[in-house]
Amino acid sequence: MDPFDYDELERMVAEFREDRHRRGIQAANADWVDEPLDDWLEGLDGRSPVERGTMMALVTGMRETLSIRDALILSLVIDERHCPKSQLMEFAARPHQARTKRTMSRLLTWAFEDEGIVPDMDRCSTGVDLMLEMAIAAPVPYCVQPLAVASYVLWWMGEPKAIEFALQCLLLDEDCSLAAMIFSAADRGVAPAWCQTGRPFDGRIVV
């Protein structure tokens, strides 16, 4: 993929910010992520390729609001039966509502602590590939959050490369809290419960 144009990304961010100011965060976030999220979910399932425009919308969305980033993480960590698109939209658009916070915390804790929650390796690997494609195409600082998401999902998959990507992310932005969390967890050997079951890593990682 050809590199994303920095000025075009800046124009997209300015448009997004103006819409958030004019119509409010919830409405603007929901409209910004609605169609790209459809495209993203279809790409994860192999139903269609993720378009360049979708990737740019997601890159700018993650740069502007971490709630969009967190929704994309949940789309990879939790299957669609327990976290359908409607729930992902709530995470992206209404992250500060008490119910939304409780639901996200419950899902992430469940995935981390329940050894029966095992990653869908093909889906996660596809998501990592797409995030790395975005990170490679996007200039700094737009590449930081896709790289941090890739690091998180690799850690969730039990892939040792997670710490390398987290470190690379921190070298680009030392204030990226998600990358710092993954670097610390991987360095201390902290891993999701399923990794303690002895199941071997069998995913495909394209780097």
N, C-alpha and C. Protein backbone atom coordinates (compact mmCIF):
# COMPACT_ATOMS: atom_id res chain seq x y z
N MET A 1 0.84 -1.20 0.00
CA MET A 1 0.00 0.00 0.00
C MET A 1 0.87 1.25 0.00
N ASP A 2 0.49 2.23 -0.84
CA ASP A 2 1.22 3.49 -0.86
C ASP A 2 1.06 4.20 0.48
N PRO A 3 2.07 4.96 0.88
CA PRO A 3 1.97 5.68 2.17
C PRO A 3 0.78 6.64 2.18
N PHE A 4 0.19 6.81 3.36
CA PHE A 4 -0.88 7.79 3.53
C PHE A 4 -0.26 9.18 3.52
N ASP A 5 -0.96 10.11 2.89
CA ASP A 5 -0.49 11.49 2.82
C ASP A 5 -0.76 12.20 4.14
N TYR A 6 0.29 12.76 4.72
CA TYR A 6 0.16 13.41 6.02
C TYR A 6 -0.85 14.55 5.99
N ASP A 7 -0.81 15.37 4.95
CA ASP A 7 -1.73 16.50 4.88
C ASP A 7 -3.18 16.04 4.77
N GLU A 8 -3.40 14.94 4.06
CA GLU A 8 -4.76 14.41 3.95
C GLU A 8 -5.26 13.90 5.29
N LEU A 9 -4.39 13.23 6.04
CA LEU A 9 -4.77 12.78 7.38
C LEU A 9 -5.09 13.96 8.29
N GLU A 10 -4.29 15.02 8.18
CA GLU A 10 -4.54 16.22 8.98
C GLU A 10 -5.88 16.85 8.62
N ARG A 11 -6.24 16.85 7.33
CA ARG A 11 -7.53 17.38 6.93
C ARG A 11 -8.67 16.53 7.49
N MET A 12 -8.49 15.22 7.48
CA MET A 12 -9.51 14.33 8.02
C MET A 12 -9.70 14.57 9.52
N VAL A 13 -8.61 14.73 10.25
CA VAL A 13 -8.70 15.00 11.68
C VAL A 13 -9.41 16.32 11.94
N ALA A 14 -9.08 17.34 11.16
CA ALA A 14 -9.73 18.65 11.32
C ALA A 14 -11.23 18.53 11.08
N GLU A 15 -11.61 17.75 10.07
CA GLU A 15 -13.04 17.54 9.77
C GLU A 15 -13.71 16.81 10.93
N PHE A 16 -13.05 15.80 11.45
CA PHE A 16 -13.60 15.03 12.56
C PHE A 16 -13.76 15.91 13.80
N ARG A 17 -12.76 16.70 14.09
CA ARG A 17 -12.83 17.57 15.27
C ARG A 17 -13.95 18.59 15.14
N GLU A 18 -14.10 19.15 13.95
CA GLU A 18 -15.14 20.14 13.72
C GLU A 18 -16.52 19.52 13.92
N ASP A 19 -16.69 18.28 13.44
CA ASP A 19 -17.97 17.60 13.58
C ASP A 19 -18.25 17.27 15.05
N ARG A 20 -17.21 16.87 15.79
CA ARG A 20 -17.38 16.59 17.22
C ARG A 20 -17.78 17.86 17.98
N HIS A 21 -17.20 18.98 17.58
CA HIS A 21 -17.52 20.26 18.23
C HIS A 21 -18.94 20.70 17.86
N ARG A 22 -19.34 20.47 16.62
CA ARG A 22 -20.63 20.96 16.13
C ARG A 22 -21.80 20.09 16.59
N ARG A 23 -21.65 18.78 16.51
CA ARG A 23 -22.78 17.88 16.79
C ARG A 23 -22.65 17.11 18.09
N GLY A 24 -21.46 17.17 18.70
CA GLY A 24 -21.25 16.42 19.92
C GLY A 24 -20.45 15.16 19.66
N ILE A 25 -19.75 14.70 20.70
CA ILE A 25 -18.82 13.58 20.55
C ILE A 25 -19.53 12.30 20.15
N GLN A 26 -20.66 12.00 20.79
CA GLN A 26 -21.32 10.72 20.53
C GLN A 26 -21.77 10.59 19.09
N ALA A 27 -22.46 11.60 18.59
CA ALA A 27 -22.97 11.54 17.23
C ALA A 27 -21.84 11.50 16.22
N ALA A 28 -20.83 12.34 16.42
CA ALA A 28 -19.71 12.40 15.47
C ALA A 28 -18.91 11.10 15.47
N ASN A 29 -18.62 10.58 16.67
CA ASN A 29 -17.88 9.31 16.74
C ASN A 29 -18.64 8.18 16.04
N ALA A 30 -19.94 8.11 16.31
CA ALA A 30 -20.75 7.04 15.72
C ALA A 30 -20.75 7.13 14.20
N ASP A 31 -20.94 8.31 13.65
CA ASP A 31 -20.96 8.46 12.20
C ASP A 31 -19.59 8.19 11.59
N TRP A 32 -18.54 8.61 12.30
CA TRP A 32 -17.19 8.44 11.76
C TRP A 32 -16.82 6.96 11.63
N VAL A 33 -17.26 6.16 12.59
CA VAL A 33 -16.78 4.77 12.65
C VAL A 33 -17.77 3.77 12.07
N ASP A 34 -18.99 4.17 11.79
CA ASP A 34 -20.05 3.23 11.41
C ASP A 34 -19.68 2.40 10.17
N GLU A 35 -19.50 3.05 9.03
CA GLU A 35 -19.19 2.32 7.80
C GLU A 35 -17.79 1.69 7.83
N PRO A 36 -16.76 2.40 8.33
CA PRO A 36 -15.45 1.74 8.44
C PRO A 36 -15.47 0.48 9.30
N LEU A 37 -16.30 0.48 10.34
CA LEU A 37 -16.38 -0.70 11.19
C LEU A 37 -17.00 -1.88 10.45
N ASP A 38 -18.00 -1.63 9.61
CA ASP A 38 -18.56 -2.69 8.76
C ASP A 38 -17.47 -3.28 7.88
N ASP A 39 -16.71 -2.40 7.23
CA ASP A 39 -15.65 -2.82 6.33
C ASP A 39 -14.58 -3.62 7.10
N TRP A 40 -14.22 -3.14 8.29
CA TRP A 40 -13.24 -3.80 9.14
C TRP A 40 -13.69 -5.21 9.52
N LEU A 41 -14.93 -5.34 9.98
CA LEU A 41 -15.44 -6.65 10.41
C LEU A 41 -15.54 -7.63 9.24
N GLU A 42 -15.92 -7.14 8.08
CA GLU A 42 -15.96 -8.00 6.90
C GLU A 42 -14.56 -8.44 6.50
N GLY A 43 -13.59 -7.54 6.66
CA GLY A 43 -12.20 -7.89 6.36
C GLY A 43 -11.66 -8.95 7.31
N LEU A 44 -12.00 -8.84 8.59
CA LEU A 44 -11.55 -9.83 9.56
C LEU A 44 -12.09 -11.21 9.24
N ASP A 45 -13.30 -11.27 8.71
CA ASP A 45 -13.92 -12.54 8.38
C ASP A 45 -13.54 -13.04 7.00
N GLY A 46 -12.74 -12.25 6.27
CA GLY A 46 -12.33 -12.66 4.94
C GLY A 46 -13.38 -12.48 3.88
N ARG A 47 -14.42 -11.70 4.19
CA ARG A 47 -15.50 -11.51 3.22
C ARG A 47 -15.15 -10.49 2.15
N SER A 48 -14.28 -9.55 2.48
CA SER A 48 -13.86 -8.54 1.50
C SER A 48 -12.60 -7.86 2.02
N PRO A 49 -11.80 -7.29 1.12
CA PRO A 49 -10.61 -6.57 1.58
C PRO A 49 -10.99 -5.27 2.28
N VAL A 50 -10.15 -4.84 3.22
CA VAL A 50 -10.37 -3.56 3.89
C VAL A 50 -9.82 -2.46 2.99
N GLU A 51 -10.69 -1.53 2.63
CA GLU A 51 -10.33 -0.49 1.67
C GLU A 51 -9.37 0.53 2.28
N ARG A 52 -8.62 1.17 1.41
CA ARG A 52 -7.66 2.20 1.84
C ARG A 52 -8.36 3.31 2.61
N GLY A 53 -9.53 3.75 2.12
CA GLY A 53 -10.26 4.81 2.79
C GLY A 53 -10.68 4.42 4.19
N THR A 54 -11.05 3.15 4.36
CA THR A 54 -11.40 2.65 5.69
C THR A 54 -10.20 2.72 6.61
N MET A 55 -9.05 2.29 6.13
CA MET A 55 -7.84 2.32 6.95
C MET A 55 -7.49 3.74 7.37
N MET A 56 -7.63 4.70 6.46
CA MET A 56 -7.33 6.08 6.81
C MET A 56 -8.32 6.62 7.83
N ALA A 57 -9.60 6.24 7.69
CA ALA A 57 -10.60 6.68 8.66
C ALA A 57 -10.32 6.10 10.04
N LEU A 58 -9.90 4.84 10.08
CA LEU A 58 -9.60 4.21 11.36
C LEU A 58 -8.33 4.79 11.98
N VAL A 59 -7.33 5.05 11.17
CA VAL A 59 -6.09 5.65 11.67
C VAL A 59 -6.36 7.01 12.29
N THR A 60 -7.12 7.83 11.59
CA THR A 60 -7.41 9.17 12.12
C THR A 60 -8.35 9.07 13.32
N GLY A 61 -9.29 8.13 13.28
CA GLY A 61 -10.19 7.95 14.42
C GLY A 61 -9.44 7.55 15.67
N MET A 62 -8.51 6.59 15.53
CA MET A 62 -7.72 6.15 16.69
C MET A 62 -6.83 7.26 17.20
N ARG A 63 -6.33 8.09 16.29
CA ARG A 63 -5.48 9.21 16.69
C ARG A 63 -6.27 10.24 17.50
N GLU A 64 -7.53 10.44 17.11
CA GLU A 64 -8.32 11.50 17.73
C GLU A 64 -9.00 11.04 19.02
N THR A 65 -9.44 9.79 19.08
CA THR A 65 -10.13 9.31 20.28
C THR A 65 -9.79 7.84 20.52
N LEU A 66 -9.29 7.54 21.70
CA LEU A 66 -8.87 6.18 22.03
C LEU A 66 -10.05 5.23 22.15
N SER A 67 -11.27 5.76 22.24
CA SER A 67 -12.43 4.87 22.31
C SER A 67 -12.59 4.07 21.02
N ILE A 68 -12.22 4.66 19.89
CA ILE A 68 -12.27 3.93 18.62
C ILE A 68 -11.21 2.84 18.62
N ARG A 69 -10.03 3.17 19.12
CA ARG A 69 -8.98 2.15 19.24
C ARG A 69 -9.44 0.99 20.11
N ASP A 70 -10.06 1.31 21.24
CA ASP A 70 -10.48 0.26 22.17
C ASP A 70 -11.57 -0.62 21.56
N ALA A 71 -12.46 -0.01 20.78
CA ALA A 71 -13.49 -0.80 20.10
C ALA A 71 -12.87 -1.79 19.13
N LEU A 72 -11.83 -1.38 18.43
CA LEU A 72 -11.15 -2.28 17.49
C LEU A 72 -10.45 -3.41 18.23
N ILE A 73 -9.87 -3.11 19.38
CA ILE A 73 -9.26 -4.17 20.20
C ILE A 73 -10.32 -5.20 20.59
N LEU A 74 -11.48 -4.72 21.06
CA LEU A 74 -12.54 -5.65 21.46
C LEU A 74 -13.02 -6.48 20.29
N SER A 75 -13.00 -5.93 19.08
CA SER A 75 -13.45 -6.69 17.91
C SER A 75 -12.56 -7.88 17.64
N LEU A 76 -11.33 -7.85 18.16
CA LEU A 76 -10.39 -8.94 17.95
C LEU A 76 -10.32 -9.89 19.13
N VAL A 77 -10.46 -9.36 20.33
CA VAL A 77 -10.29 -10.17 21.54
C VAL A 77 -11.56 -10.95 21.88
N ILE A 78 -12.73 -10.38 21.62
CA ILE A 78 -14.01 -11.00 21.97
C ILE A 78 -14.78 -11.32 20.69
N ASP A 79 -15.33 -12.53 20.61
CA ASP A 79 -16.04 -12.89 19.37
C ASP A 79 -17.36 -12.13 19.26
N GLU A 80 -17.89 -12.14 18.04
CA GLU A 80 -19.06 -11.31 17.74
C GLU A 80 -20.33 -11.78 18.44
N ARG A 81 -20.37 -13.01 18.93
CA ARG A 81 -21.54 -13.45 19.67
C ARG A 81 -21.67 -12.67 20.99
N HIS A 82 -20.55 -12.39 21.60
CA HIS A 82 -20.54 -11.68 22.89
C HIS A 82 -20.30 -10.18 22.73
N CYS A 83 -19.79 -9.79 21.57
CA CYS A 83 -19.51 -8.37 21.35
C CYS A 83 -19.83 -8.02 19.90
N PRO A 84 -21.13 -7.90 19.56
CA PRO A 84 -21.52 -7.59 18.18
C PRO A 84 -21.20 -6.15 17.81
N LYS A 85 -21.44 -5.82 16.57
CA LYS A 85 -21.14 -4.47 16.10
C LYS A 85 -21.85 -3.40 16.94
N SER A 86 -23.09 -3.68 17.33
CA SER A 86 -23.83 -2.68 18.11
C SER A 86 -23.10 -2.35 19.41
N GLN A 87 -22.47 -3.35 20.03
CA GLN A 87 -21.72 -3.09 21.25
C GLN A 87 -20.44 -2.34 20.96
N LEU A 88 -19.78 -2.69 19.86
CA LEU A 88 -18.56 -1.97 19.46
C LEU A 88 -18.87 -0.49 19.21
N MET A 89 -20.04 -0.22 18.63
CA MET A 89 -20.43 1.17 18.39
C MET A 89 -20.61 1.91 19.72
N GLU A 90 -21.15 1.23 20.72
CA GLU A 90 -21.29 1.84 22.04
C GLU A 90 -19.92 2.19 22.61
N PHE A 91 -18.96 1.26 22.48
CA PHE A 91 -17.61 1.53 22.99
C PHE A 91 -16.99 2.72 22.28
N ALA A 92 -17.19 2.81 20.96
CA ALA A 92 -16.58 3.88 20.18
C ALA A 92 -17.23 5.24 20.43
N ALA A 93 -18.56 5.24 20.59
CA ALA A 93 -19.29 6.51 20.63
C ALA A 93 -19.60 7.00 22.04
N ARG A 94 -19.77 6.06 22.99
CA ARG A 94 -20.20 6.45 24.34
C ARG A 94 -19.28 5.85 25.40
N PRO A 95 -17.98 6.07 25.30
CA PRO A 95 -17.05 5.40 26.21
C PRO A 95 -17.16 5.84 27.66
N HIS A 96 -17.72 7.02 27.90
CA HIS A 96 -17.73 7.56 29.26
C HIS A 96 -19.01 7.23 30.03
N GLN A 97 -19.97 6.59 29.36
CA GLN A 97 -21.17 6.19 30.09
C GLN A 97 -20.83 5.05 31.04
N ALA A 98 -21.43 5.09 32.22
CA ALA A 98 -21.10 4.10 33.26
C ALA A 98 -21.35 2.68 32.76
N ARG A 99 -22.46 2.46 32.08
CA ARG A 99 -22.78 1.11 31.60
C ARG A 99 -21.75 0.64 30.59
N THR A 100 -21.32 1.54 29.71
CA THR A 100 -20.32 1.17 28.71
C THR A 100 -19.00 0.81 29.36
N LYS A 101 -18.59 1.61 30.36
CA LYS A 101 -17.36 1.32 31.08
C LYS A 101 -17.43 -0.05 31.76
N ARG A 102 -18.55 -0.33 32.39
CA ARG A 102 -18.70 -1.61 33.08
C ARG A 102 -18.64 -2.78 32.10
N THR A 103 -19.29 -2.63 30.97
CA THR A 103 -19.31 -3.71 29.99
C THR A 103 -17.92 -3.97 29.43
N MET A 104 -17.20 -2.91 29.08
CA MET A 104 -15.86 -3.09 28.54
C MET A 104 -14.94 -3.73 29.59
N SER A 105 -15.02 -3.26 30.83
CA SER A 105 -14.19 -3.82 31.89
C SER A 105 -14.51 -5.30 32.10
N ARG A 106 -15.80 -5.63 32.07
CA ARG A 106 -16.21 -7.02 32.26
C ARG A 106 -15.68 -7.92 31.16
N LEU A 107 -15.80 -7.46 29.91
CA LEU A 107 -15.35 -8.28 28.78
C LEU A 107 -13.84 -8.48 28.79
N LEU A 108 -13.09 -7.41 29.06
CA LEU A 108 -11.63 -7.53 29.06
C LEU A 108 -11.15 -8.39 30.23
N THR A 109 -11.79 -8.23 31.39
CA THR A 109 -11.41 -9.06 32.54
C THR A 109 -11.74 -10.52 32.28
N TRP A 110 -12.89 -10.76 31.71
CA TRP A 110 -13.31 -12.12 31.37
C TRP A 110 -12.31 -12.77 30.41
N ALA A 111 -11.92 -12.03 29.36
CA ALA A 111 -10.98 -12.57 28.39
C ALA A 111 -9.62 -12.85 29.02
N PHE A 112 -9.21 -11.99 29.96
CA PHE A 112 -7.90 -12.14 30.58
C PHE A 112 -7.87 -13.27 31.60
N GLU A 113 -8.95 -13.43 32.36
CA GLU A 113 -8.93 -14.35 33.50
C GLU A 113 -9.49 -15.74 33.22
N ASP A 114 -10.30 -15.89 32.18
CA ASP A 114 -10.94 -17.17 31.90
C ASP A 114 -10.09 -17.96 30.91
N GLU A 115 -9.52 -19.08 31.36
CA GLU A 115 -8.63 -19.86 30.49
C GLU A 115 -9.38 -20.51 29.34
N GLY A 116 -10.70 -20.53 29.42
CA GLY A 116 -11.49 -21.07 28.32
C GLY A 116 -11.68 -20.11 27.17
N ILE A 117 -11.34 -18.84 27.37
CA ILE A 117 -11.45 -17.83 26.30
C ILE A 117 -10.15 -17.85 25.51
N VAL A 118 -10.19 -18.54 24.38
CA VAL A 118 -9.00 -18.75 23.55
C VAL A 118 -9.10 -17.90 22.29
N PRO A 119 -8.03 -17.24 21.88
CA PRO A 119 -8.10 -16.39 20.68
C PRO A 119 -8.48 -17.17 19.43
N ASP A 120 -9.23 -16.52 18.56
CA ASP A 120 -9.43 -17.00 17.19
C ASP A 120 -8.17 -16.58 16.43
N MET A 121 -7.24 -17.52 16.27
CA MET A 121 -5.92 -17.16 15.76
C MET A 121 -5.98 -16.57 14.36
N ASP A 122 -6.81 -17.12 13.50
CA ASP A 122 -6.89 -16.59 12.13
C ASP A 122 -7.42 -15.16 12.14
N ARG A 123 -8.48 -14.93 12.89
CA ARG A 123 -9.08 -13.59 12.96
C ARG A 123 -8.09 -12.59 13.56
N CYS A 124 -7.44 -13.00 14.67
CA CYS A 124 -6.49 -12.09 15.32
C CYS A 124 -5.29 -11.81 14.42
N SER A 125 -4.81 -12.83 13.73
CA SER A 125 -3.66 -12.63 12.84
C SER A 125 -4.01 -11.70 11.69
N THR A 126 -5.23 -11.85 11.17
CA THR A 126 -5.69 -10.93 10.12
C THR A 126 -5.74 -9.51 10.65
N GLY A 127 -6.26 -9.34 11.86
CA GLY A 127 -6.32 -8.01 12.46
C GLY A 127 -4.95 -7.42 12.68
N VAL A 128 -4.00 -8.24 13.16
CA VAL A 128 -2.62 -7.75 13.35
C VAL A 128 -2.03 -7.33 12.02
N ASP A 129 -2.21 -8.14 10.98
CA ASP A 129 -1.69 -7.80 9.66
C ASP A 129 -2.23 -6.45 9.19
N LEU A 130 -3.54 -6.24 9.39
CA LEU A 130 -4.16 -4.99 8.95
C LEU A 130 -3.64 -3.81 9.76
N MET A 131 -3.48 -3.99 11.07
CA MET A 131 -2.95 -2.91 11.90
C MET A 131 -1.52 -2.56 11.50
N LEU A 132 -0.72 -3.57 11.21
CA LEU A 132 0.66 -3.30 10.80
C LEU A 132 0.70 -2.64 9.42
N GLU A 133 -0.24 -3.02 8.56
CA GLU A 133 -0.32 -2.36 7.26
C GLU A 133 -0.62 -0.87 7.44
N MET A 134 -1.55 -0.56 8.35
CA MET A 134 -1.85 0.83 8.65
C MET A 134 -0.65 1.55 9.25
N ALA A 135 0.04 0.88 10.18
CA ALA A 135 1.19 1.49 10.85
C ALA A 135 2.31 1.79 9.86
N ILE A 136 2.51 0.90 8.90
CA ILE A 136 3.57 1.11 7.90
C ILE A 136 3.20 2.25 6.96
N ALA A 137 1.92 2.32 6.60
CA ALA A 137 1.49 3.35 5.64
C ALA A 137 1.36 4.73 6.26
N ALA A 138 1.10 4.79 7.57
CA ALA A 138 0.82 6.06 8.23
C ALA A 138 2.09 6.71 8.77
N PRO A 139 2.22 8.02 8.61
CA PRO A 139 3.37 8.72 9.19
C PRO A 139 3.19 8.89 10.70
N VAL A 140 4.27 9.20 11.39
CA VAL A 140 4.20 9.57 12.80
C VAL A 140 3.44 10.90 12.90
N PRO A 141 2.49 11.06 13.81
CA PRO A 141 2.14 10.19 14.93
C PRO A 141 1.00 9.22 14.65
N TYR A 142 0.51 9.20 13.41
CA TYR A 142 -0.68 8.39 13.11
C TYR A 142 -0.41 6.89 13.16
N CYS A 143 0.83 6.49 13.07
CA CYS A 143 1.16 5.08 13.11
C CYS A 143 1.17 4.50 14.52
N VAL A 144 1.18 5.34 15.53
CA VAL A 144 1.41 4.88 16.91
C VAL A 144 0.30 3.96 17.40
N GLN A 145 -0.95 4.38 17.30
CA GLN A 145 -2.04 3.57 17.85
C GLN A 145 -2.25 2.25 17.10
N PRO A 146 -2.17 2.21 15.76
CA PRO A 146 -2.24 0.90 15.11
C PRO A 146 -1.13 -0.04 15.58
N LEU A 147 0.06 0.50 15.78
CA LEU A 147 1.16 -0.33 16.26
C LEU A 147 0.90 -0.81 17.69
N ALA A 148 0.32 0.04 18.52
CA ALA A 148 0.00 -0.36 19.89
C ALA A 148 -1.08 -1.45 19.90
N VAL A 149 -2.08 -1.34 19.02
CA VAL A 149 -3.11 -2.37 18.94
C VAL A 149 -2.51 -3.69 18.49
N ALA A 150 -1.63 -3.65 17.51
CA ALA A 150 -0.96 -4.87 17.06
C ALA A 150 -0.20 -5.53 18.21
N SER A 151 0.48 -4.71 19.00
CA SER A 151 1.22 -5.23 20.14
C SER A 151 0.28 -5.89 21.14
N TYR A 152 -0.85 -5.24 21.44
CA TYR A 152 -1.81 -5.80 22.39
C TYR A 152 -2.33 -7.15 21.91
N VAL A 153 -2.72 -7.21 20.65
CA VAL A 153 -3.32 -8.45 20.14
C VAL A 153 -2.29 -9.57 20.08
N LEU A 154 -1.04 -9.24 19.72
CA LEU A 154 0.01 -10.25 19.75
C LEU A 154 0.23 -10.78 21.16
N TRP A 155 0.19 -9.89 22.13
CA TRP A 155 0.31 -10.32 23.53
C TRP A 155 -0.85 -11.23 23.91
N TRP A 156 -2.05 -10.87 23.51
CA TRP A 156 -3.24 -11.67 23.79
C TRP A 156 -3.12 -13.05 23.14
N MET A 157 -2.44 -13.13 22.00
CA MET A 157 -2.27 -14.40 21.29
C MET A 157 -1.14 -15.24 21.88
N GLY A 158 -0.38 -14.67 22.81
CA GLY A 158 0.76 -15.40 23.36
C GLY A 158 1.98 -15.38 22.48
N GLU A 159 2.05 -14.38 21.59
CA GLU A 159 3.16 -14.28 20.62
C GLU A 159 4.28 -13.43 21.22
N PRO A 160 5.50 -13.96 21.32
CA PRO A 160 6.62 -13.22 21.93
C PRO A 160 6.95 -11.91 21.24
N LYS A 161 6.59 -11.77 19.96
CA LYS A 161 6.91 -10.53 19.25
C LYS A 161 6.19 -9.31 19.83
N ALA A 162 5.21 -9.54 20.70
CA ALA A 162 4.44 -8.43 21.26
C ALA A 162 5.34 -7.39 21.91
N ILE A 163 6.32 -7.84 22.66
CA ILE A 163 7.19 -6.91 23.39
C ILE A 163 8.02 -6.07 22.41
N GLU A 164 8.41 -6.65 21.28
CA GLU A 164 9.19 -5.91 20.29
C GLU A 164 8.37 -4.78 19.69
N PHE A 165 7.11 -5.07 19.37
CA PHE A 165 6.26 -4.04 18.80
C PHE A 165 5.91 -2.98 19.84
N ALA A 166 5.72 -3.40 21.09
CA ALA A 166 5.45 -2.42 22.15
C ALA A 166 6.64 -1.47 22.31
N LEU A 167 7.86 -2.02 22.28
CA LEU A 167 9.04 -1.18 22.41
C LEU A 167 9.16 -0.23 21.23
N GLN A 168 8.92 -0.73 20.02
CA GLN A 168 8.97 0.14 18.85
C GLN A 168 7.97 1.28 18.98
N CYS A 169 6.78 0.96 19.49
CA CYS A 169 5.75 1.97 19.68
C CYS A 169 6.22 3.02 20.69
N LEU A 170 6.83 2.59 21.78
CA LEU A 170 7.30 3.52 22.80
C LEU A 170 8.45 4.39 22.31
N LEU A 171 9.25 3.87 21.41
CA LEU A 171 10.31 4.69 20.83
C LEU A 171 9.73 5.81 19.98
N LEU A 172 8.55 5.57 19.40
CA LEU A 172 7.87 6.60 18.61
C LEU A 172 7.10 7.58 19.49
N ASP A 173 6.55 7.05 20.60
CA ASP A 173 5.75 7.88 21.50
C ASP A 173 5.86 7.30 22.90
N GLU A 174 6.70 7.89 23.72
CA GLU A 174 6.93 7.36 25.06
C GLU A 174 5.71 7.49 25.96
N ASP A 175 4.71 8.27 25.54
CA ASP A 175 3.51 8.46 26.35
C ASP A 175 2.37 7.51 25.97
N CYS A 176 2.64 6.56 25.07
CA CYS A 176 1.59 5.62 24.68
C CYS A 176 1.38 4.62 25.81
N SER A 177 0.31 4.80 26.57
CA SER A 177 0.09 3.99 27.77
C SER A 177 -0.21 2.54 27.43
N LEU A 178 -0.88 2.28 26.32
CA LEU A 178 -1.18 0.90 25.94
C LEU A 178 0.10 0.13 25.65
N ALA A 179 1.01 0.73 24.91
CA ALA A 179 2.28 0.07 24.61
C ALA A 179 3.09 -0.14 25.89
N ALA A 180 3.07 0.85 26.79
CA ALA A 180 3.79 0.71 28.05
C ALA A 180 3.23 -0.44 28.88
N MET A 181 1.91 -0.59 28.88
CA MET A 181 1.28 -1.68 29.62
C MET A 181 1.70 -3.03 29.05
N ILE A 182 1.68 -3.16 27.72
CA ILE A 182 2.05 -4.43 27.09
C ILE A 182 3.53 -4.72 27.30
N PHE A 183 4.37 -3.71 27.17
CA PHE A 183 5.80 -3.93 27.40
C PHE A 183 6.05 -4.42 28.82
N SER A 184 5.41 -3.79 29.79
CA SER A 184 5.59 -4.18 31.18
C SER A 184 5.06 -5.59 31.42
N ALA A 185 3.87 -5.89 30.90
CA ALA A 185 3.28 -7.22 31.11
C ALA A 185 4.14 -8.31 30.48
N ALA A 186 4.56 -8.09 29.23
CA ALA A 186 5.37 -9.09 28.55
C ALA A 186 6.72 -9.26 29.23
N ASP A 187 7.30 -8.16 29.68
CA ASP A 187 8.61 -8.22 30.34
C ASP A 187 8.53 -9.00 31.65
N ARG A 188 7.40 -8.92 32.35
CA ARG A 188 7.22 -9.61 33.63
C ARG A 188 6.60 -11.00 33.48
N GLY A 189 6.32 -11.39 32.23
CA GLY A 189 5.74 -12.70 32.00
C GLY A 189 4.27 -12.80 32.32
N VAL A 190 3.58 -11.65 32.42
CA VAL A 190 2.14 -11.65 32.65
C VAL A 190 1.43 -11.94 31.33
N ALA A 191 0.50 -12.88 31.35
CA ALA A 191 -0.17 -13.29 30.11
C ALA A 191 -1.61 -13.66 30.41
N PRO A 192 -2.47 -13.65 29.40
CA PRO A 192 -3.85 -14.09 29.60
C PRO A 192 -3.92 -15.52 30.11
N ALA A 193 -5.02 -15.84 30.78
CA ALA A 193 -5.14 -17.15 31.44
C ALA A 193 -5.00 -18.30 30.46
N TRP A 194 -5.51 -18.14 29.24
CA TRP A 194 -5.46 -19.26 28.31
C TRP A 194 -4.03 -19.69 28.02
N CYS A 195 -3.08 -18.74 28.11
CA CYS A 195 -1.67 -19.07 27.83
C CYS A 195 -1.10 -20.04 28.87
N GLN A 196 -1.72 -20.09 30.03
CA GLN A 196 -1.22 -20.97 31.09
C GLN A 196 -1.66 -22.42 30.90
N THR A 197 -2.50 -22.67 29.89
CA THR A 197 -3.01 -24.02 29.68
C THR A 197 -2.03 -24.91 28.94
N GLY A 198 -0.97 -24.31 28.40
CA GLY A 198 0.02 -25.10 27.67
C GLY A 198 -0.29 -25.28 26.21
N ARG A 199 -1.38 -24.65 25.74
CA ARG A 199 -1.67 -24.75 24.31
C ARG A 199 -0.58 -24.02 23.52
N PRO A 200 -0.07 -24.60 22.45
CA PRO A 200 0.98 -23.94 21.68
C PRO A 200 0.42 -22.81 20.84
N PHE A 201 1.25 -21.79 20.62
CA PHE A 201 0.87 -20.73 19.67
C PHE A 201 0.87 -21.32 18.27
N ASP A 202 -0.24 -21.17 17.53
CA ASP A 202 -0.32 -21.75 16.21
C ASP A 202 -0.87 -20.77 15.18
N GLY A 203 -0.75 -19.49 15.48
CA GLY A 203 -1.25 -18.48 14.55
C GLY A 203 -0.25 -18.19 13.44
N ARG A 204 -0.69 -17.44 12.46
CA ARG A 204 0.20 -17.00 11.40
C ARG A 204 0.40 -15.50 11.58
N ILE A 205 1.62 -15.07 11.59
CA ILE A 205 1.92 -13.65 11.74
C ILE A 205 2.70 -13.22 10.50
N VAL A 206 2.17 -12.24 9.80
CA VAL A 206 2.86 -11.71 8.64
C VAL A 206 3.43 -10.36 9.03
N VAL A 207 4.73 -10.24 9.06
CA VAL A 207 5.39 -9.00 9.49
C VAL A 207 6.29 -8.50 8.38
